[in-house]
Amino acid sequence: MQEQFNVNIRELRRNLRMTQEEFAHTLGITVATVNRWENGHAKPSKLARRAIERLAQMRSAESSGPSF
C-alpha cells in the first residue's frame, strides 16, 4: 500500500510537469521531503495530503481551460 502511494506522488508530480524542487516549493516543503515521499521513507501528513489534493485540482482546472 505504501509503495502505491509513493508511485502516485511521483506520477502526480510528473503529470504536473514539475521537478521535485518546484513541487516542494509550491507545497511549502523541502525537496528532501518530496524525495522521502517518493522513495517510501516517509508519507505526507494529513495537512500535506490536502495541499497535494488542492494542487492537483487547481492544475486540473487550469488545464481544462475556461468553460462557456
PDB file of N, CA and C in Angstrom:
ATOM      1  N   MET A   1       0.835  -1.196   0.000  1.00  0.00           N
ATOM      2  CA  MET A   1       0.000   0.000   0.000  1.00  0.00           C
ATOM      3  C   MET A   1       0.878   1.258   0.000  1.00  0.00           C
ATOM      4  N   GLN A   2       1.880   1.283   0.869  1.00  0.00           N
ATOM      5  CA  GLN A   2       2.780   2.432   0.941  1.00  0.00           C
ATOM      6  C   GLN A   2       3.457   2.675  -0.404  1.00  0.00           C
ATOM      7  N   GLU A   3       3.889   1.590  -1.064  1.00  0.00           N
ATOM      8  CA  GLU A   3       4.570   1.718  -2.340  1.00  0.00           C
ATOM      9  C   GLU A   3       3.672   2.399  -3.365  1.00  0.00           C
ATOM     10  N   GLN A   4       2.414   2.009  -3.428  1.00  0.00           N
ATOM     11  CA  GLN A   4       1.479   2.595  -4.382  1.00  0.00           C
ATOM     12  C   GLN A   4       1.324   4.098  -4.139  1.00  0.00           C
ATOM     13  N   PHE A   5       1.263   4.503  -2.886  1.00  0.00           N
ATOM     14  CA  PHE A   5       1.127   5.924  -2.566  1.00  0.00           C
ATOM     15  C   PHE A   5       2.332   6.700  -3.086  1.00  0.00           C
ATOM     16  N   ASN A   6       3.526   6.135  -2.935  1.00  0.00           N
ATOM     17  CA  ASN A   6       4.737   6.796  -3.406  1.00  0.00           C
ATOM     18  C   ASN A   6       4.718   6.962  -4.914  1.00  0.00           C
ATOM     19  N   VAL A   7       4.262   5.931  -5.600  1.00  0.00           N
ATOM     20  CA  VAL A   7       4.152   5.990  -7.056  1.00  0.00           C
ATOM     21  C   VAL A   7       3.163   7.077  -7.453  1.00  0.00           C
ATOM     22  N   ASN A   8       2.061   7.192  -6.718  1.00  0.00           N
ATOM     23  CA  ASN A   8       1.056   8.211  -7.028  1.00  0.00           C
ATOM     24  C   ASN A   8       1.619   9.619  -6.879  1.00  0.00           C
ATOM     25  N   ILE A   9       2.411   9.849  -5.841  1.00  0.00           N
ATOM     26  CA  ILE A   9       3.019  11.171  -5.648  1.00  0.00           C
ATOM     27  C   ILE A   9       3.934  11.486  -6.827  1.00  0.00           C
ATOM     28  N   ARG A  10       4.772  10.527  -7.181  1.00  0.00           N
ATOM     29  CA  ARG A  10       5.713  10.728  -8.295  1.00  0.00           C
ATOM     30  C   ARG A  10       4.956  10.968  -9.602  1.00  0.00           C
ATOM     31  N   GLU A  11       3.936  10.155  -9.859  1.00  0.00           N
ATOM     32  CA  GLU A  11       3.163  10.314 -11.097  1.00  0.00           C
ATOM     33  C   GLU A  11       2.447  11.652 -11.140  1.00  0.00           C
ATOM     34  N   LEU A  12       1.865  12.053 -10.031  1.00  0.00           N
ATOM     35  CA  LEU A  12       1.191  13.346  -9.980  1.00  0.00           C
ATOM     36  C   LEU A  12       2.170  14.463 -10.294  1.00  0.00           C
ATOM     37  N   ARG A  13       3.322  14.439  -9.638  1.00  0.00           N
ATOM     38  CA  ARG A  13       4.326  15.482  -9.862  1.00  0.00           C
ATOM     39  C   ARG A  13       4.757  15.511 -11.323  1.00  0.00           C
ATOM     40  N   ARG A  14       4.972  14.350 -11.897  1.00  0.00           N
ATOM     41  CA  ARG A  14       5.388  14.290 -13.307  1.00  0.00           C
ATOM     42  C   ARG A  14       4.265  14.743 -14.240  1.00  0.00           C
ATOM     43  N   ASN A  15       3.024  14.363 -13.924  1.00  0.00           N
ATOM     44  CA  ASN A  15       1.888  14.803 -14.738  1.00  0.00           C
ATOM     45  C   ASN A  15       1.718  16.319 -14.680  1.00  0.00           C
ATOM     46  N   LEU A  16       2.089  16.894 -13.551  1.00  0.00           N
ATOM     47  CA  LEU A  16       2.037  18.350 -13.415  1.00  0.00           C
ATOM     48  C   LEU A  16       3.237  19.013 -14.078  1.00  0.00           C
ATOM     49  N   ARG A  17       4.139  18.174 -14.589  1.00  0.00           N
ATOM     50  CA  ARG A  17       5.362  18.642 -15.254  1.00  0.00           C
ATOM     51  C   ARG A  17       6.189  19.521 -14.325  1.00  0.00           C
ATOM     52  N   MET A  18       6.350  19.021 -13.103  1.00  0.00           N
ATOM     53  CA  MET A  18       7.097  19.753 -12.091  1.00  0.00           C
ATOM     54  C   MET A  18       8.298  18.931 -11.652  1.00  0.00           C
ATOM     55  N   THR A  19       9.377  19.627 -11.353  1.00  0.00           N
ATOM     56  CA  THR A  19      10.518  18.976 -10.735  1.00  0.00           C
ATOM     57  C   THR A  19      10.196  18.780  -9.264  1.00  0.00           C
ATOM     58  N   GLN A  20      11.011  17.993  -8.580  1.00  0.00           N
ATOM     59  CA  GLN A  20      10.822  17.842  -7.138  1.00  0.00           C
ATOM     60  C   GLN A  20      10.961  19.207  -6.466  1.00  0.00           C
ATOM     61  N   GLU A  21      11.869  20.016  -6.967  1.00  0.00           N
ATOM     62  CA  GLU A  21      12.089  21.345  -6.403  1.00  0.00           C
ATOM     63  C   GLU A  21      10.849  22.233  -6.559  1.00  0.00           C
ATOM     64  N   GLU A  22      10.266  22.243  -7.745  1.00  0.00           N
ATOM     65  CA  GLU A  22       9.065  23.048  -7.991  1.00  0.00           C
ATOM     66  C   GLU A  22       7.888  22.555  -7.146  1.00  0.00           C
ATOM     67  N   PHE A  23       7.732  21.237  -7.077  1.00  0.00           N
ATOM     68  CA  PHE A  23       6.658  20.630  -6.305  1.00  0.00           C
ATOM     69  C   PHE A  23       6.802  21.004  -4.836  1.00  0.00           C
ATOM     70  N   ALA A  24       8.019  20.879  -4.324  1.00  0.00           N
ATOM     71  CA  ALA A  24       8.288  21.216  -2.925  1.00  0.00           C
ATOM     72  C   ALA A  24       8.004  22.688  -2.654  1.00  0.00           C
ATOM     73  N   HIS A  25       8.468  23.562  -3.524  1.00  0.00           N
ATOM     74  CA  HIS A  25       8.260  24.998  -3.340  1.00  0.00           C
ATOM     75  C   HIS A  25       6.777  25.341  -3.340  1.00  0.00           C
ATOM     76  N   THR A  26       6.035  24.744  -4.249  1.00  0.00           N
ATOM     77  CA  THR A  26       4.602  25.000  -4.346  1.00  0.00           C
ATOM     78  C   THR A  26       3.873  24.584  -3.072  1.00  0.00           C
ATOM     79  N   LEU A  27       4.314  23.468  -2.480  1.00  0.00           N
ATOM     80  CA  LEU A  27       3.669  22.968  -1.266  1.00  0.00           C
ATOM     81  C   LEU A  27       4.250  23.576   0.007  1.00  0.00           C
ATOM     82  N   GLY A  28       5.362  24.300  -0.120  1.00  0.00           N
ATOM     83  CA  GLY A  28       5.981  24.911   1.053  1.00  0.00           C
ATOM     84  C   GLY A  28       6.735  23.911   1.916  1.00  0.00           C
ATOM     85  N   ILE A  29       7.331  22.927   1.266  1.00  0.00           N
ATOM     86  CA  ILE A  29       8.108  21.906   1.974  1.00  0.00           C
ATOM     87  C   ILE A  29       9.494  21.825   1.343  1.00  0.00           C
ATOM     88  N   THR A  30      10.330  20.950   1.869  1.00  0.00           N
ATOM     89  CA  THR A  30      11.675  20.812   1.318  1.00  0.00           C
ATOM     90  C   THR A  30      11.704  19.754   0.220  1.00  0.00           C
ATOM     91  N   VAL A  31      12.720  19.859  -0.621  1.00  0.00           N
ATOM     92  CA  VAL A  31      12.931  18.865  -1.669  1.00  0.00           C
ATOM     93  C   VAL A  31      13.203  17.508  -1.030  1.00  0.00           C
ATOM     94  N   ALA A  32      13.912  17.509   0.083  1.00  0.00           N
ATOM     95  CA  ALA A  32      14.210  16.257   0.778  1.00  0.00           C
ATOM     96  C   ALA A  32      12.924  15.547   1.205  1.00  0.00           C
ATOM     97  N   THR A  33      11.932  16.304   1.600  1.00  0.00           N
ATOM     98  CA  THR A  33      10.653  15.713   1.999  1.00  0.00           C
ATOM     99  C   THR A  33       9.978  15.041   0.805  1.00  0.00           C
ATOM    100  N   VAL A  34       9.950  15.721  -0.325  1.00  0.00           N
ATOM    101  CA  VAL A  34       9.356  15.132  -1.538  1.00  0.00           C
ATOM    102  C   VAL A  34      10.118  13.857  -1.898  1.00  0.00           C
ATOM    103  N   ASN A  35      11.425  13.915  -1.817  1.00  0.00           N
ATOM    104  CA  ASN A  35      12.253  12.765  -2.131  1.00  0.00           C
ATOM    105  C   ASN A  35      11.936  11.595  -1.198  1.00  0.00           C
ATOM    106  N   ARG A  36      11.782  11.865   0.088  1.00  0.00           N
ATOM    107  CA  ARG A  36      11.444  10.801   1.049  1.00  0.00           C
ATOM    108  C   ARG A  36      10.078  10.203   0.734  1.00  0.00           C
ATOM    109  N   TRP A  37       9.111  11.037   0.358  1.00  0.00           N
ATOM    110  CA  TRP A  37       7.786  10.521  -0.005  1.00  0.00           C
ATOM    111  C   TRP A  37       7.893   9.584  -1.203  1.00  0.00           C
ATOM    112  N   GLU A  38       8.592  10.050  -2.239  1.00  0.00           N
ATOM    113  CA  GLU A  38       8.667   9.283  -3.478  1.00  0.00           C
ATOM    114  C   GLU A  38       9.479   8.000  -3.318  1.00  0.00           C
ATOM    115  N   ASN A  39      10.379   7.961  -2.378  1.00  0.00           N
ATOM    116  CA  ASN A  39      11.215   6.776  -2.169  1.00  0.00           C
ATOM    117  C   ASN A  39      10.705   5.885  -1.047  1.00  0.00           C
ATOM    118  N   GLY A  40       9.549   6.215  -0.475  1.00  0.00           N
ATOM    119  CA  GLY A  40       8.921   5.361   0.513  1.00  0.00           C
ATOM    120  C   GLY A  40       9.494   5.442   1.913  1.00  0.00           C
ATOM    121  N   HIS A  41      10.279   6.480   2.184  1.00  0.00           N
ATOM    122  CA  HIS A  41      10.868   6.629   3.512  1.00  0.00           C
ATOM    123  C   HIS A  41       9.966   7.414   4.455  1.00  0.00           C
ATOM    124  N   ALA A  42       8.959   8.057   3.914  1.00  0.00           N
ATOM    125  CA  ALA A  42       8.003   8.829   4.718  1.00  0.00           C
ATOM    126  C   ALA A  42       6.727   8.967   3.910  1.00  0.00           C
ATOM    127  N   LYS A  43       5.678   9.395   4.579  1.00  0.00           N
ATOM    128  CA  LYS A  43       4.436   9.665   3.863  1.00  0.00           C
ATOM    129  C   LYS A  43       3.931  11.036   4.305  1.00  0.00           C
ATOM    130  N   PRO A  44       3.186  11.707   3.426  1.00  0.00           N
ATOM    131  CA  PRO A  44       2.691  13.044   3.754  1.00  0.00           C
ATOM    132  C   PRO A  44       1.716  13.018   4.929  1.00  0.00           C
ATOM    133  N   SER A  45       1.751  14.077   5.700  1.00  0.00           N
ATOM    134  CA  SER A  45       0.781  14.248   6.782  1.00  0.00           C
ATOM    135  C   SER A  45      -0.585  14.534   6.165  1.00  0.00           C
ATOM    136  N   LYS A  46      -1.599  14.543   7.008  1.00  0.00           N
ATOM    137  CA  LYS A  46      -2.945  14.864   6.515  1.00  0.00           C
ATOM    138  C   LYS A  46      -2.968  16.255   5.898  1.00  0.00           C
ATOM    139  N   LEU A  47      -2.310  17.197   6.529  1.00  0.00           N
ATOM    140  CA  LEU A  47      -2.253  18.560   6.017  1.00  0.00           C
ATOM    141  C   LEU A  47      -1.570  18.599   4.650  1.00  0.00           C
ATOM    142  N   ALA A  48      -0.469  17.882   4.520  1.00  0.00           N
ATOM    143  CA  ALA A  48       0.252  17.844   3.244  1.00  0.00           C
ATOM    144  C   ALA A  48      -0.595  17.162   2.172  1.00  0.00           C
ATOM    145  N   ARG A  49      -1.301  16.089   2.547  1.00  0.00           N
ATOM    146  CA  ARG A  49      -2.158  15.408   1.571  1.00  0.00           C
ATOM    147  C   ARG A  49      -3.246  16.342   1.054  1.00  0.00           C
ATOM    148  N   ARG A  50      -3.822  17.143   1.936  1.00  0.00           N
ATOM    149  CA  ARG A  50      -4.843  18.111   1.498  1.00  0.00           C
ATOM    150  C   ARG A  50      -4.237  19.134   0.542  1.00  0.00           C
ATOM    151  N   ALA A  51      -3.042  19.599   0.828  1.00  0.00           N
ATOM    152  CA  ALA A  51      -2.374  20.569  -0.044  1.00  0.00           C
ATOM    153  C   ALA A  51      -2.083  19.941  -1.408  1.00  0.00           C
ATOM    154  N   ILE A  52      -1.675  18.684  -1.425  1.00  0.00           N
ATOM    155  CA  ILE A  52      -1.405  17.981  -2.679  1.00  0.00           C
ATOM    156  C   ILE A  52      -2.697  17.841  -3.479  1.00  0.00           C
ATOM    157  N   GLU A  53      -3.774  17.483  -2.804  1.00  0.00           N
ATOM    158  CA  GLU A  53      -5.073  17.355  -3.484  1.00  0.00           C
ATOM    159  C   GLU A  53      -5.523  18.688  -4.077  1.00  0.00           C
ATOM    160  N   ARG A  54      -5.354  19.769  -3.322  1.00  0.00           N
ATOM    161  CA  ARG A  54      -5.726  21.104  -3.837  1.00  0.00           C
ATOM    162  C   ARG A  54      -4.885  21.463  -5.050  1.00  0.00           C
ATOM    163  N   LEU A  55      -3.592  21.181  -4.990  1.00  0.00           N
ATOM    164  CA  LEU A  55      -2.706  21.464  -6.116  1.00  0.00           C
ATOM    165  C   LEU A  55      -3.150  20.685  -7.348  1.00  0.00           C
ATOM    166  N   ALA A  56      -3.451  19.422  -7.183  1.00  0.00           N
ATOM    167  CA  ALA A  56      -3.890  18.590  -8.304  1.00  0.00           C
ATOM    168  C   ALA A  56      -5.196  19.113  -8.896  1.00  0.00           C
ATOM    169  N   GLN A  57      -6.132  19.500  -8.040  1.00  0.00           N
ATOM    170  CA  GLN A  57      -7.417  20.018  -8.512  1.00  0.00           C
ATOM    171  C   GLN A  57      -7.243  21.352  -9.229  1.00  0.00           C
ATOM    172  N   MET A  58      -6.402  22.216  -8.674  1.00  0.00           N
ATOM    173  CA  MET A  58      -6.165  23.524  -9.260  1.00  0.00           C
ATOM    174  C   MET A  58      -5.531  23.379 -10.640  1.00  0.00           C
ATOM    175  N   ARG A  59      -4.523  22.528 -10.746  1.00  0.00           N
ATOM    176  CA  ARG A  59      -3.861  22.301 -12.030  1.00  0.00           C
ATOM    177  C   ARG A  59      -4.799  21.659 -13.040  1.00  0.00           C
ATOM    178  N   SER A  60      -5.661  20.784 -12.563  1.00  0.00           N
ATOM    179  CA  SER A  60      -6.628  20.130 -13.438  1.00  0.00           C
ATOM    180  C   SER A  60      -7.601  21.165 -14.008  1.00  0.00           C
ATOM    181  N   ALA A  61      -8.047  22.064 -13.165  1.00  0.00           N
ATOM    182  CA  ALA A  61      -8.970  23.112 -13.595  1.00  0.00           C
ATOM    183  C   ALA A  61      -8.296  24.059 -14.582  1.00  0.00           C
ATOM    184  N   GLU A  62      -7.016  24.371 -14.349  1.00  0.00           N
ATOM    185  CA  GLU A  62      -6.277  25.246 -15.262  1.00  0.00           C
ATOM    186  C   GLU A  62      -6.117  24.617 -16.639  1.00  0.00           C
ATOM    187  N   SER A  63      -5.851  23.321 -16.669  1.00  0.00           N
ATOM    188  CA  SER A  63      -5.604  22.661 -17.955  1.00  0.00           C
ATOM    189  C   SER A  63      -6.882  22.473 -18.755  1.00  0.00           C
ATOM    190  N   SER A  64      -8.012  22.468 -18.090  1.00  0.00           N
ATOM    191  CA  SER A  64      -9.259  22.296 -18.833  1.00  0.00           C
ATOM    192  C   SER A  64      -9.713  23.600 -19.480  1.00  0.00           C
ATOM    193  N   GLY A  65      -9.147  24.711 -19.035  1.00  0.00           N
ATOM    194  CA  GLY A  65      -9.474  25.993 -19.642  1.00  0.00           C
ATOM    195  C   GLY A  65     -10.822  26.511 -19.189  1.00  0.00           C
ATOM    196  N   PRO A  66     -11.152  27.703 -19.636  1.00  0.00           N
ATOM    197  CA  PRO A  66     -12.439  28.284 -19.237  1.00  0.00           C
ATOM    198  C   PRO A  66     -13.610  27.552 -19.881  1.00  0.00           C
ATOM    199  N   SER A  67     -14.680  27.465 -19.151  1.00  0.00           N
ATOM    200  CA  SER A  67     -15.869  26.847 -19.707  1.00  0.00           C
ATOM    201  C   SER A  67     -16.892  27.935 -20.008  1.00  0.00           C
ATOM    202  N   PHE A  68     -17.521  27.804 -21.152  1.00  0.00           N
ATOM    203  CA  PHE A  68     -18.519  28.791 -21.568  1.00  0.00           C
ATOM    204  C   PHE A  68     -19.865  28.156 -21.712  1.00  0.00           C
TER     205      PHE A  68
END
